[in-house]
Structures are given as C-alpha cells and as structure tokens.
C-alpha cells in the first residue's frame, strides 16, 4: 500500500481516453472536441502542420478562438488529439496474418502508409511512451504478434519498437520526397535522377571511396527499396534468434541505454578545450579538402584545354 495519490491525467490524454469533463456551456451545441480535431486534421493534411493554430481552426469552424479553449485548452493537447485521430486503430486484418513475421511486416507497411497520408505527424515531437488509446493499440498489436514466441517481454518490446522506428524513418524519407515533389513540380523519379547527378558531381573516389563505388554501382538510381530490404533482414535476424531460443540457447544479455557525457564531464575545462581543438582541426581539414577539390578541378580544366588545342 502507498499513501501517494495517483497523478491526475494530463488534459490531452484524458480527452483522448474520453474521461475528461466536458464543458458545461459553450457558444453553440454543435461545437465538440471531435469537430475541432476533425477540422485541425483537415488543415494539416491540406497545408501542413504549420497551418494549424487555434485561430485557423476556429475560423474553419466559424467560431471565435476563445470558444475553442472551452473544449481544448492548449495547442499541445490539440496536436496530441490530431495525431491520435490520424493514426487510428490498427486494421483488424493485421491480426489475421499467419506467423509473427508476416504480422510485423504488414504492420510496418501499414504504419508507413499512415505517414504518407498524414506526413505532418512526423513533425510532432516524441515525448515519451504511447499513452493514448490508438497509439497503445498499435503497440499492443505488435506485442501480440510476438506473443507465441519464446522472447521475453522486454525482447518483444524491443522488436516492436525497432519495427515502428524503421517505419517512421521510412515515412520520413518518403514524406520528404513527396514534399519536395510538391514544391518543385518534379516527380519523385526526377528528383532521384537530379540527386544522383549531384552525387556524381561532388563525390570523388579519393575522398569518399566507398560512397563513390556505390555511386558507380548505380545504387541511387536503383528501383530496389532499401528500407523494406533492411526491415526484412532485421526480421530475419530475429527469426534466427528465436530459432536459437527454441534449441535451448540462452537469451542475450540485457543492453544498456546509450548516454552522452554527464553535465559534469561535458563542462570540464579540459574537455571543453579538447572539443574546441577537435572542431578547429575538423574545420581546417574541411578547408584543406575544399582547396584540394578546387585544385583538381583547375588541373582537369587545364588538361582539357590542352587536349582541345
């Protein structure tokens, strides 16, 4: 038993779970949290998250900004509710695939599609573990897919988070190309060709040998999807690990969280001086490489001029 009172749910989370008190009075009966969130999501889908403000949402609904605050008292709460609505619940068919690997693959693809339909979600900060109903349902779906495996609860969470993280990164890249296509008028394929040409122009074998070899191999123009390839290899590795557990192998040792230097170490006078020296050395190296590239271009131009005589 404990005498500590349970912490009250933040307003936004309480609204998401439907346990927040409704306003006793409002400007008109047709106003509701649901209508406010619907309007905000429509704005974000059409114009991006930067277009969403309490004033803009109120104008879209035909109300004053102050009237919205009776229902959603802070913009952060509105953003949380927008994300909750946009991600929705996991499709029921995700639980109908045969085997954990097929289920996680399907969930990965379903999450990527959410980011393509609502790319503004990717602009919202990650402030902690999923606590809202829909985000909890997606995590539950992934954990359930692994429920019959010999993985520990911690390992199941780790695999679920890895798949979700890969989906978010994939969505970030695709959304970036989509936005660039929208603003430039180019197709994603044309953008890829343009970027490949830029890589080919500035990446040299002398400075970036491995990257130059990749360019020569045509990796930036290939139609292969590197993200789906990588998630398949990840799931393949998990499958091998599970097979080992089935044969009696021990579980892997627990991994520790990565951490940067503590404030005391980072603030140490000698450490700060050393970091400054490294930055200055890197700056000098960048300048030297820039000078080298220019010298090579000049030499190549002179050679071309002599050859043309």
C-alpha atoms as a PDB file:
ATOM      1  CA  UNK A   1       0.000   0.000   0.000  1.00  0.00           C
ATOM      2  CA  UNK A   2       1.112   3.569  -0.603  1.00  0.00           C
ATOM      3  CA  UNK A   3      -0.119   6.950   0.508  1.00  0.00           C
ATOM      4  CA  UNK A   4       0.925   8.574  -2.781  1.00  0.00           C
ATOM      5  CA  UNK A   5      -2.090   9.824  -4.710  1.00  0.00           C
ATOM      6  CA  UNK A   6      -2.204   8.761  -8.380  1.00  0.00           C
ATOM      7  CA  UNK A   7      -1.208  11.580 -10.697  1.00  0.00           C
ATOM      8  CA  UNK A   8      -4.093  13.219 -12.492  1.00  0.00           C
ATOM      9  CA  UNK A   9      -4.162  12.538 -16.218  1.00  0.00           C
ATOM     10  CA  UNK A  10      -2.995  15.463 -18.349  1.00  0.00           C
ATOM     11  CA  UNK A  11      -5.922  17.142 -20.083  1.00  0.00           C
ATOM     12  CA  UNK A  12      -4.954  15.980 -23.587  1.00  0.00           C
ATOM     13  CA  UNK A  13      -4.567  12.338 -22.566  1.00  0.00           C
ATOM     14  CA  UNK A  14      -7.820  12.481 -20.599  1.00  0.00           C
ATOM     15  CA  UNK A  15      -9.580  13.814 -23.700  1.00  0.00           C
ATOM     16  CA  UNK A  16      -8.102  11.020 -25.811  1.00  0.00           C
ATOM     17  CA  UNK A  17      -9.401   8.391 -23.387  1.00  0.00           C
ATOM     18  CA  UNK A  18     -12.782  10.115 -23.126  1.00  0.00           C
ATOM     19  CA  UNK A  19     -12.544  10.691 -19.386  1.00  0.00           C
ATOM     20  CA  UNK A  20     -12.148  14.474 -19.372  1.00  0.00           C
ATOM     21  CA  UNK A  21     -15.031  16.553 -18.124  1.00  0.00           C
ATOM     22  CA  UNK A  22     -16.993  18.204 -20.918  1.00  0.00           C
ATOM     23  CA  UNK A  23     -17.561  21.964 -20.749  1.00  0.00           C
ATOM     24  CA  UNK A  24     -20.838  22.849 -19.102  1.00  0.00           C
ATOM     25  CA  UNK A  25     -21.516  25.637 -21.509  1.00  0.00           C
ATOM     26  CA  UNK A  26     -20.302  26.689 -24.886  1.00  0.00           C
ATOM     27  CA  UNK A  27     -21.087  29.063 -27.723  1.00  0.00           C
ATOM     28  CA  UNK A  28     -23.225  26.547 -29.608  1.00  0.00           C
ATOM     29  CA  UNK A  29     -24.228  22.963 -29.066  1.00  0.00           C
ATOM     30  CA  UNK A  30     -22.734  21.802 -32.365  1.00  0.00           C
ATOM     31  CA  UNK A  31     -19.202  22.537 -31.121  1.00  0.00           C
ATOM     32  CA  UNK A  32     -17.300  19.487 -29.816  1.00  0.00           C
ATOM     33  CA  UNK A  33     -13.779  18.191 -29.324  1.00  0.00           C
ATOM     34  CA  UNK A  34     -14.330  15.819 -32.239  1.00  0.00           C
ATOM     35  CA  UNK A  35     -15.279  18.630 -34.626  1.00  0.00           C
ATOM     36  CA  UNK A  36     -12.290  20.688 -33.551  1.00  0.00           C
ATOM     37  CA  UNK A  37      -9.905  17.778 -34.121  1.00  0.00           C
ATOM     38  CA  UNK A  38     -11.512  16.935 -37.479  1.00  0.00           C
ATOM     39  CA  UNK A  39     -11.006  20.498 -38.682  1.00  0.00           C
ATOM     40  CA  UNK A  40      -7.416  20.607 -37.448  1.00  0.00           C
ATOM     41  CA  UNK A  41      -6.523  17.332 -39.186  1.00  0.00           C
ATOM     42  CA  UNK A  42      -8.069  18.589 -42.429  1.00  0.00           C
ATOM     43  CA  UNK A  43      -5.962  21.741 -42.198  1.00  0.00           C
ATOM     44  CA  UNK A  44      -2.766  19.794 -41.512  1.00  0.00           C
ATOM     45  CA  UNK A  45      -3.416  17.330 -44.339  1.00  0.00           C
ATOM     46  CA  UNK A  46      -4.050  20.152 -46.800  1.00  0.00           C
ATOM     47  CA  UNK A  47      -1.481  22.755 -45.749  1.00  0.00           C
ATOM     48  CA  UNK A  48       0.916  21.161 -43.271  1.00  0.00           C
ATOM     49  CA  UNK A  49       1.197  21.367 -39.515  1.00  0.00           C
ATOM     50  CA  UNK A  50       2.358  24.989 -39.720  1.00  0.00           C
ATOM     51  CA  UNK A  51      -1.127  26.000 -40.847  1.00  0.00           C
ATOM     52  CA  UNK A  52      -2.719  24.672 -37.663  1.00  0.00           C
ATOM     53  CA  UNK A  53      -3.450  27.232 -34.974  1.00  0.00           C
ATOM     54  CA  UNK A  54      -6.373  27.721 -32.655  1.00  0.00           C
ATOM     55  CA  UNK A  55      -7.334  30.793 -34.686  1.00  0.00           C
ATOM     56  CA  UNK A  56      -7.173  28.924 -38.005  1.00  0.00           C
ATOM     57  CA  UNK A  57      -9.210  26.002 -36.686  1.00  0.00           C
ATOM     58  CA  UNK A  58     -11.778  28.366 -35.187  1.00  0.00           C
ATOM     59  CA  UNK A  59     -12.082  30.237 -38.485  1.00  0.00           C
ATOM     60  CA  UNK A  60     -12.584  26.971 -40.361  1.00  0.00           C
ATOM     61  CA  UNK A  61     -15.418  26.071 -37.993  1.00  0.00           C
ATOM     62  CA  UNK A  62     -16.922  29.551 -37.941  1.00  0.00           C
ATOM     63  CA  UNK A  63     -16.260  30.227 -34.269  1.00  0.00           C
ATOM     64  CA  UNK A  64     -14.011  32.527 -32.270  1.00  0.00           C
ATOM     65  CA  UNK A  65     -10.651  31.206 -31.000  1.00  0.00           C
ATOM     66  CA  UNK A  66     -11.702  31.680 -27.378  1.00  0.00           C
ATOM     67  CA  UNK A  67     -14.673  29.379 -27.885  1.00  0.00           C
ATOM     68  CA  UNK A  68     -12.308  26.500 -28.750  1.00  0.00           C
ATOM     69  CA  UNK A  69     -10.453  26.802 -25.461  1.00  0.00           C
ATOM     70  CA  UNK A  70     -13.558  25.649 -23.606  1.00  0.00           C
ATOM     71  CA  UNK A  71     -13.040  22.268 -25.276  1.00  0.00           C
ATOM     72  CA  UNK A  72      -9.291  22.048 -25.974  1.00  0.00           C
ATOM     73  CA  UNK A  73      -7.404  24.253 -23.558  1.00  0.00           C
ATOM     74  CA  UNK A  74      -3.936  24.107 -25.158  1.00  0.00           C
ATOM     75  CA  UNK A  75      -2.460  23.647 -28.616  1.00  0.00           C
ATOM     76  CA  UNK A  76      -0.270  20.782 -27.373  1.00  0.00           C
ATOM     77  CA  UNK A  77      -3.443  18.927 -26.411  1.00  0.00           C
ATOM     78  CA  UNK A  78      -4.863  19.589 -29.866  1.00  0.00           C
ATOM     79  CA  UNK A  79      -1.732  18.205 -31.541  1.00  0.00           C
ATOM     80  CA  UNK A  80      -1.902  15.074 -29.407  1.00  0.00           C
ATOM     81  CA  UNK A  81      -5.552  14.531 -30.336  1.00  0.00           C
ATOM     82  CA  UNK A  82      -4.800  15.173 -34.005  1.00  0.00           C
ATOM     83  CA  UNK A  83      -2.105  12.507 -34.025  1.00  0.00           C
ATOM     84  CA  UNK A  84      -4.383  10.112 -32.176  1.00  0.00           C
ATOM     85  CA  UNK A  85      -7.095  10.535 -34.795  1.00  0.00           C
ATOM     86  CA  UNK A  86      -4.732  10.384 -37.759  1.00  0.00           C
ATOM     87  CA  UNK A  87      -3.092   7.100 -36.764  1.00  0.00           C
ATOM     88  CA  UNK A  88      -6.441   5.473 -35.987  1.00  0.00           C
ATOM     89  CA  UNK A  89      -6.718   1.886 -34.822  1.00  0.00           C
ATOM     90  CA  UNK A  90      -4.652  -0.920 -36.365  1.00  0.00           C
ATOM     91  CA  UNK A  91      -6.591  -2.695 -39.137  1.00  0.00           C
ATOM     92  CA  UNK A  92      -8.138  -5.891 -37.836  1.00  0.00           C
ATOM     93  CA  UNK A  93      -6.543  -7.886 -40.652  1.00  0.00           C
ATOM     94  CA  UNK A  94      -3.109  -7.310 -39.111  1.00  0.00           C
ATOM     95  CA  UNK A  95      -4.008  -9.936 -36.514  1.00  0.00           C
ATOM     96  CA  UNK A  96      -5.080 -12.404 -39.192  1.00  0.00           C
ATOM     97  CA  UNK A  97      -1.720 -12.910 -40.903  1.00  0.00           C
ATOM     98  CA  UNK A  98      -0.063 -16.267 -40.389  1.00  0.00           C
ATOM     99  CA  UNK A  99       3.001 -16.011 -38.165  1.00  0.00           C
ATOM    100  CA  UNK A 100       4.670 -13.222 -36.231  1.00  0.00           C
ATOM    101  CA  UNK A 101       6.974 -12.214 -39.082  1.00  0.00           C
ATOM    102  CA  UNK A 102       4.154 -11.719 -41.587  1.00  0.00           C
ATOM    103  CA  UNK A 103       2.187  -9.773 -38.983  1.00  0.00           C
ATOM    104  CA  UNK A 104       5.049  -7.418 -38.172  1.00  0.00           C
ATOM    105  CA  UNK A 105       5.829  -6.922 -41.857  1.00  0.00           C
ATOM    106  CA  UNK A 106       2.202  -5.982 -42.510  1.00  0.00           C
ATOM    107  CA  UNK A 107       2.171  -3.645 -39.514  1.00  0.00           C
ATOM    108  CA  UNK A 108       5.362  -1.964 -40.717  1.00  0.00           C
ATOM    109  CA  UNK A 109       3.758  -1.294 -44.105  1.00  0.00           C
ATOM    110  CA  UNK A 110       0.513  -0.075 -42.515  1.00  0.00           C
ATOM    111  CA  UNK A 111       2.395   2.415 -40.338  1.00  0.00           C
ATOM    112  CA  UNK A 112       4.365   3.738 -43.320  1.00  0.00           C
ATOM    113  CA  UNK A 113       1.091   4.374 -45.161  1.00  0.00           C
ATOM    114  CA  UNK A 114      -0.158   6.457 -42.226  1.00  0.00           C
ATOM    115  CA  UNK A 115       2.885   8.715 -42.526  1.00  0.00           C
ATOM    116  CA  UNK A 116       2.349   9.069 -46.268  1.00  0.00           C
ATOM    117  CA  UNK A 117      -1.275  10.095 -45.732  1.00  0.00           C
ATOM    118  CA  UNK A 118      -0.520  12.389 -42.799  1.00  0.00           C
ATOM    119  CA  UNK A 119       3.148  13.444 -43.140  1.00  0.00           C
ATOM    120  CA  UNK A 120       2.712  16.242 -40.590  1.00  0.00           C
ATOM    121  CA  UNK A 121       2.720  13.573 -37.854  1.00  0.00           C
ATOM    122  CA  UNK A 122       6.458  13.266 -38.414  1.00  0.00           C
ATOM    123  CA  UNK A 123       6.906  16.902 -37.366  1.00  0.00           C
ATOM    124  CA  UNK A 124       5.458  16.243 -33.926  1.00  0.00           C
ATOM    125  CA  UNK A 125       7.995  15.550 -31.164  1.00  0.00           C
ATOM    126  CA  UNK A 126       8.200  12.169 -29.459  1.00  0.00           C
ATOM    127  CA  UNK A 127       7.729  12.986 -25.791  1.00  0.00           C
ATOM    128  CA  UNK A 128       7.533   9.512 -24.288  1.00  0.00           C
ATOM    129  CA  UNK A 129       5.845   6.139 -24.485  1.00  0.00           C
ATOM    130  CA  UNK A 130       2.451   5.867 -26.221  1.00  0.00           C
ATOM    131  CA  UNK A 131      -0.299   6.532 -23.690  1.00  0.00           C
ATOM    132  CA  UNK A 132      -3.291   7.353 -25.889  1.00  0.00           C
ATOM    133  CA  UNK A 133      -5.778   4.631 -26.929  1.00  0.00           C
ATOM    134  CA  UNK A 134      -4.866   4.323 -30.608  1.00  0.00           C
ATOM    135  CA  UNK A 135      -1.100   4.505 -30.137  1.00  0.00           C
ATOM    136  CA  UNK A 136      -1.407   1.922 -27.363  1.00  0.00           C
ATOM    137  CA  UNK A 137      -3.425  -0.298 -29.702  1.00  0.00           C
ATOM    138  CA  UNK A 138      -0.651  -0.241 -32.333  1.00  0.00           C
ATOM    139  CA  UNK A 139       1.953  -1.238 -29.761  1.00  0.00           C
ATOM    140  CA  UNK A 140      -0.349  -3.924 -28.387  1.00  0.00           C
ATOM    141  CA  UNK A 141      -0.817  -5.285 -31.902  1.00  0.00           C
ATOM    142  CA  UNK A 142       2.935  -5.667 -32.409  1.00  0.00           C
ATOM    143  CA  UNK A 143       3.443  -7.237 -28.988  1.00  0.00           C
ATOM    144  CA  UNK A 144       0.580  -9.639 -29.630  1.00  0.00           C
ATOM    145  CA  UNK A 145       2.216 -10.740 -32.889  1.00  0.00           C
ATOM    146  CA  UNK A 146       5.181 -11.950 -30.833  1.00  0.00           C
ATOM    147  CA  UNK A 147       3.053 -13.443 -28.069  1.00  0.00           C
ATOM    148  CA  UNK A 148       3.663 -17.081 -29.012  1.00  0.00           C
ATOM    149  CA  UNK A 149       7.427 -16.695 -29.385  1.00  0.00           C
ATOM    150  CA  UNK A 150       9.941 -17.560 -26.642  1.00  0.00           C
ATOM    151  CA  UNK A 151      11.060 -13.922 -26.483  1.00  0.00           C
ATOM    152  CA  UNK A 152      10.888 -12.241 -23.101  1.00  0.00           C
ATOM    153  CA  UNK A 153       8.502  -9.335 -22.596  1.00  0.00           C
ATOM    154  CA  UNK A 154      11.434  -6.926 -22.854  1.00  0.00           C
ATOM    155  CA  UNK A 155      12.635  -8.536 -26.088  1.00  0.00           C
ATOM    156  CA  UNK A 156       9.154  -8.354 -27.600  1.00  0.00           C
ATOM    157  CA  UNK A 157       9.017  -4.663 -26.812  1.00  0.00           C
ATOM    158  CA  UNK A 158      12.467  -4.153 -28.342  1.00  0.00           C
ATOM    159  CA  UNK A 159      11.457  -5.868 -31.594  1.00  0.00           C
ATOM    160  CA  UNK A 160       8.187  -3.927 -31.734  1.00  0.00           C
ATOM    161  CA  UNK A 161       9.944  -0.598 -31.229  1.00  0.00           C
ATOM    162  CA  UNK A 162      12.542  -1.427 -33.882  1.00  0.00           C
ATOM    163  CA  UNK A 163       9.852  -2.141 -36.479  1.00  0.00           C
ATOM    164  CA  UNK A 164       7.955   1.016 -35.535  1.00  0.00           C
ATOM    165  CA  UNK A 165      11.134   3.084 -35.645  1.00  0.00           C
ATOM    166  CA  UNK A 166      12.036   1.773 -39.086  1.00  0.00           C
ATOM    167  CA  UNK A 167       8.531   2.614 -40.312  1.00  0.00           C
ATOM    168  CA  UNK A 168       8.878   6.158 -39.002  1.00  0.00           C
ATOM    169  CA  UNK A 169      12.262   6.628 -40.681  1.00  0.00           C
ATOM    170  CA  UNK A 170      10.906   5.200 -43.950  1.00  0.00           C
ATOM    171  CA  UNK A 171       7.913   7.524 -43.717  1.00  0.00           C
ATOM    172  CA  UNK A 172      10.194  10.495 -43.028  1.00  0.00           C
ATOM    173  CA  UNK A 173      12.196   9.875 -46.205  1.00  0.00           C
ATOM    174  CA  UNK A 174       9.152   9.272 -48.406  1.00  0.00           C
ATOM    175  CA  UNK A 175       7.320  12.287 -46.992  1.00  0.00           C
ATOM    176  CA  UNK A 176      10.383  14.425 -47.663  1.00  0.00           C
ATOM    177  CA  UNK A 177      10.482  13.377 -51.307  1.00  0.00           C
ATOM    178  CA  UNK A 178       6.740  13.928 -51.618  1.00  0.00           C
ATOM    179  CA  UNK A 179       7.017  17.456 -50.229  1.00  0.00           C
ATOM    180  CA  UNK A 180       9.975  18.239 -52.475  1.00  0.00           C
ATOM    181  CA  UNK A 181       7.993  17.000 -55.469  1.00  0.00           C
ATOM    182  CA  UNK A 182       5.057  19.194 -54.473  1.00  0.00           C
ATOM    183  CA  UNK A 183       7.134  22.361 -54.137  1.00  0.00           C
ATOM    184  CA  UNK A 184       9.437  21.773 -57.127  1.00  0.00           C
ATOM    185  CA  UNK A 185       6.932  20.400 -59.609  1.00  0.00           C
ATOM    186  CA  UNK A 186       9.227  17.446 -60.274  1.00  0.00           C
ATOM    187  CA  UNK A 187       8.246  13.816 -59.926  1.00  0.00           C
ATOM    188  CA  UNK A 188       9.961  11.707 -57.240  1.00  0.00           C
ATOM    189  CA  UNK A 189      11.803   9.895 -60.036  1.00  0.00           C
ATOM    190  CA  UNK A 190      13.066  13.185 -61.480  1.00  0.00           C
ATOM    191  CA  UNK A 191      14.227  14.264 -58.030  1.00  0.00           C
ATOM    192  CA  UNK A 192      16.118  10.988 -57.644  1.00  0.00           C
ATOM    193  CA  UNK A 193      17.852  11.461 -61.003  1.00  0.00           C
ATOM    194  CA  UNK A 194      18.781  15.034 -60.103  1.00  0.00           C
ATOM    195  CA  UNK A 195      20.206  13.988 -56.739  1.00  0.00           C
ATOM    196  CA  UNK A 196      22.166  11.144 -58.327  1.00  0.00           C
ATOM    197  CA  UNK A 197      23.702  13.642 -60.752  1.00  0.00           C
ATOM    198  CA  UNK A 198      24.690  15.903 -57.859  1.00  0.00           C
ATOM    199  CA  UNK A 199      26.277  12.991 -56.017  1.00  0.00           C
ATOM    200  CA  UNK A 200      28.163  12.039 -59.152  1.00  0.00           C
ATOM    201  CA  UNK A 201      29.455  15.586 -59.479  1.00  0.00           C
ATOM    202  CA  UNK A 202      30.808  16.146 -55.972  1.00  0.00           C
ATOM    203  CA  UNK A 203      31.744  12.691 -54.623  1.00  0.00           C
ATOM    204  CA  UNK A 204      35.258  11.615 -55.566  1.00  0.00           C
ATOM    205  CA  UNK A 205      36.969   8.261 -55.103  1.00  0.00           C
ATOM    206  CA  UNK A 206      39.915   9.944 -53.421  1.00  0.00           C
ATOM    207  CA  UNK A 207      37.805  11.490 -50.658  1.00  0.00           C
ATOM    208  CA  UNK A 208      34.877   9.079 -50.353  1.00  0.00           C
ATOM    209  CA  UNK A 209      35.992   5.760 -51.879  1.00  0.00           C
ATOM    210  CA  UNK A 210      33.161   3.565 -50.561  1.00  0.00           C
ATOM    211  CA  UNK A 211      30.457   6.080 -51.446  1.00  0.00           C
ATOM    212  CA  UNK A 212      31.966   6.618 -54.891  1.00  0.00           C
ATOM    213  CA  UNK A 213      31.910   2.862 -55.502  1.00  0.00           C
ATOM    214  CA  UNK A 214      28.229   2.804 -54.523  1.00  0.00           C
ATOM    215  CA  UNK A 215      27.511   5.617 -56.987  1.00  0.00           C
ATOM    216  CA  UNK A 216      29.336   3.753 -59.744  1.00  0.00           C
ATOM    217  CA  UNK A 217      27.179   0.721 -58.942  1.00  0.00           C
ATOM    218  CA  UNK A 218      24.066   2.849 -59.525  1.00  0.00           C
ATOM    219  CA  UNK A 219      22.594   2.445 -56.048  1.00  0.00           C
ATOM    220  CA  UNK A 220      20.908   5.854 -56.076  1.00  0.00           C
ATOM    221  CA  UNK A 221      19.108   5.075 -59.328  1.00  0.00           C
ATOM    222  CA  UNK A 222      18.152   1.503 -58.475  1.00  0.00           C
ATOM    223  CA  UNK A 223      14.471   0.674 -58.120  1.00  0.00           C
ATOM    224  CA  UNK A 224      15.126  -1.612 -55.148  1.00  0.00           C
ATOM    225  CA  UNK A 225      13.577  -0.446 -51.880  1.00  0.00           C
ATOM    226  CA  UNK A 226      16.402  -0.318 -49.293  1.00  0.00           C
ATOM    227  CA  UNK A 227      14.028   0.213 -46.370  1.00  0.00           C
ATOM    228  CA  UNK A 228      11.900  -2.849 -46.985  1.00  0.00           C
ATOM    229  CA  UNK A 229      15.073  -4.836 -47.622  1.00  0.00           C
ATOM    230  CA  UNK A 230      16.510  -3.741 -44.285  1.00  0.00           C
ATOM    231  CA  UNK A 231      13.368  -4.494 -42.288  1.00  0.00           C
ATOM    232  CA  UNK A 232      13.236  -7.965 -43.861  1.00  0.00           C
ATOM    233  CA  UNK A 233      16.843  -8.596 -42.849  1.00  0.00           C
ATOM    234  CA  UNK A 234      16.072  -7.372 -39.346  1.00  0.00           C
ATOM    235  CA  UNK A 235      13.093  -9.715 -39.034  1.00  0.00           C
ATOM    236  CA  UNK A 236      15.247 -12.477 -40.481  1.00  0.00           C
ATOM    237  CA  UNK A 237      17.766 -11.888 -37.709  1.00  0.00           C
ATOM    238  CA  UNK A 238      15.039 -12.002 -35.063  1.00  0.00           C
ATOM    239  CA  UNK A 239      13.827 -15.258 -36.601  1.00  0.00           C
ATOM    240  CA  UNK A 240      17.316 -16.744 -36.268  1.00  0.00           C
ATOM    241  CA  UNK A 241      17.470 -15.576 -32.641  1.00  0.00           C
ATOM    242  CA  UNK A 242      14.079 -17.159 -31.889  1.00  0.00           C
ATOM    243  CA  UNK A 243      15.185 -20.407 -33.532  1.00  0.00           C
ATOM    244  CA  UNK A 244      18.201 -20.415 -31.239  1.00  0.00           C
ATOM    245  CA  UNK A 245      15.982 -19.978 -28.191  1.00  0.00           C
ATOM    246  CA  UNK A 246      13.848 -22.884 -29.376  1.00  0.00           C
ATOM    247  CA  UNK A 247      17.016 -25.003 -29.473  1.00  0.00           C
ATOM    248  CA  UNK A 248      17.832 -24.066 -25.903  1.00  0.00           C
ATOM    249  CA  UNK A 249      20.188 -21.141 -26.429  1.00  0.00           C
ATOM    250  CA  UNK A 250      20.328 -18.542 -23.683  1.00  0.00           C
ATOM    251  CA  UNK A 251      18.686 -15.155 -24.021  1.00  0.00           C
ATOM    252  CA  UNK A 252      21.001 -12.299 -24.953  1.00  0.00           C
ATOM    253  CA  UNK A 253      22.388 -10.140 -22.186  1.00  0.00           C
ATOM    254  CA  UNK A 254      20.397  -7.013 -21.466  1.00  0.00           C
ATOM    255  CA  UNK A 255      21.623  -3.966 -23.373  1.00  0.00           C
ATOM    256  CA  UNK A 256      22.254  -0.694 -21.580  1.00  0.00           C
ATOM    257  CA  UNK A 257      20.945   2.660 -22.750  1.00  0.00           C
ATOM    258  CA  UNK A 258      23.319   4.877 -24.686  1.00  0.00           C
ATOM    259  CA  UNK A 259      24.190   8.026 -22.795  1.00  0.00           C
ATOM    260  CA  UNK A 260      26.162  11.129 -23.618  1.00  0.00           C
ATOM    261  CA  UNK A 261      28.689  12.599 -21.220  1.00  0.00           C
ATOM    262  CA  UNK A 262      27.275  13.831 -17.944  1.00  0.00           C
ATOM    263  CA  UNK A 263      26.966  17.567 -17.414  1.00  0.00           C
ATOM    264  CA  UNK A 264      29.990  17.467 -15.124  1.00  0.00           C
ATOM    265  CA  UNK A 265      32.183  15.749 -17.731  1.00  0.00           C
ATOM    266  CA  UNK A 266      30.932  17.861 -20.635  1.00  0.00           C
ATOM    267  CA  UNK A 267      31.516  21.014 -18.603  1.00  0.00           C
ATOM    268  CA  UNK A 268      35.046  20.105 -17.546  1.00  0.00           C
ATOM    269  CA  UNK A 269      37.507  22.808 -18.612  1.00  0.00           C
ATOM    270  CA  UNK A 270      39.986  20.406 -20.235  1.00  0.00           C
ATOM    271  CA  UNK A 271      37.209  18.529 -22.029  1.00  0.00           C
ATOM    272  CA  UNK A 272      35.785  21.766 -23.438  1.00  0.00           C
ATOM    273  CA  UNK A 273      39.246  22.802 -24.619  1.00  0.00           C
ATOM    274  CA  UNK A 274      39.809  19.426 -26.287  1.00  0.00           C
ATOM    275  CA  UNK A 275      36.422  19.554 -28.014  1.00  0.00           C
ATOM    276  CA  UNK A 276      37.231  23.037 -29.290  1.00  0.00           C
ATOM    277  CA  UNK A 277      40.567  21.803 -30.646  1.00  0.00           C
ATOM    278  CA  UNK A 278      38.862  18.937 -32.471  1.00  0.00           C
ATOM    279  CA  UNK A 279      36.339  21.311 -34.045  1.00  0.00           C
ATOM    280  CA  UNK A 280      39.097  23.640 -35.191  1.00  0.00           C
ATOM    281  CA  UNK A 281      41.042  20.710 -36.661  1.00  0.00           C
ATOM    282  CA  UNK A 282      37.931  19.483 -38.486  1.00  0.00           C
ATOM    283  CA  UNK A 283      37.333  22.984 -39.825  1.00  0.00           C
ATOM    284  CA  UNK A 284      40.906  23.159 -41.101  1.00  0.00           C
ATOM    285  CA  UNK A 285      40.549  19.719 -42.701  1.00  0.00           C
ATOM    286  CA  UNK A 286      37.345  20.770 -44.475  1.00  0.00           C
ATOM    287  CA  UNK A 287      39.099  23.887 -45.782  1.00  0.00           C
ATOM    288  CA  UNK A 288      42.066  21.832 -47.000  1.00  0.00           C
ATOM    289  CA  UNK A 289      39.801  19.358 -48.771  1.00  0.00           C
ATOM    290  CA  UNK A 290      37.905  22.213 -50.385  1.00  0.00           C
ATOM    291  CA  UNK A 291      41.197  23.640 -51.624  1.00  0.00           C
ATOM    292  CA  UNK A 292      42.211  20.207 -52.926  1.00  0.00           C
ATOM    293  CA  UNK A 293      38.935  19.781 -54.821  1.00  0.00           C
ATOM    294  CA  UNK A 294      39.330  23.179 -56.424  1.00  0.00           C
ATOM    295  CA  UNK A 295      42.930  22.408 -57.384  1.00  0.00           C
ATOM    296  CA  UNK A 296      41.831  19.146 -59.011  1.00  0.00           C
ATOM    297  CA  UNK A 297      39.073  20.907 -60.943  1.00  0.00           C
ATOM    298  CA  UNK A 298      41.519  23.565 -62.126  1.00  0.00           C
ATOM    299  CA  UNK A 299      44.049  20.924 -63.176  1.00  0.00           C
ATOM    300  CA  UNK A 300      41.368  18.962 -65.030  1.00  0.00           C
ATOM    301  CA  UNK A 301      40.219  22.129 -66.805  1.00  0.00           C
ATOM    302  CA  UNK A 302      43.778  22.932 -67.889  1.00  0.00           C
ATOM    303  CA  UNK A 303      44.285  19.388 -69.142  1.00  0.00           C
ATOM    304  CA  UNK A 304      41.033  19.556 -71.085  1.00  0.00           C
ATOM    305  CA  UNK A 305      42.061  22.894 -72.593  1.00  0.00           C
ATOM    306  CA  UNK A 306      45.433  21.494 -73.701  1.00  0.00           C
ATOM    307  CA  UNK A 307      43.770  18.436 -75.205  1.00  0.00           C
ATOM    308  CA  UNK A 308      41.429  20.656 -77.198  1.00  0.00           C
ATOM    309  CA  UNK A 309      44.193  22.623 -78.884  1.00  0.00           C
END
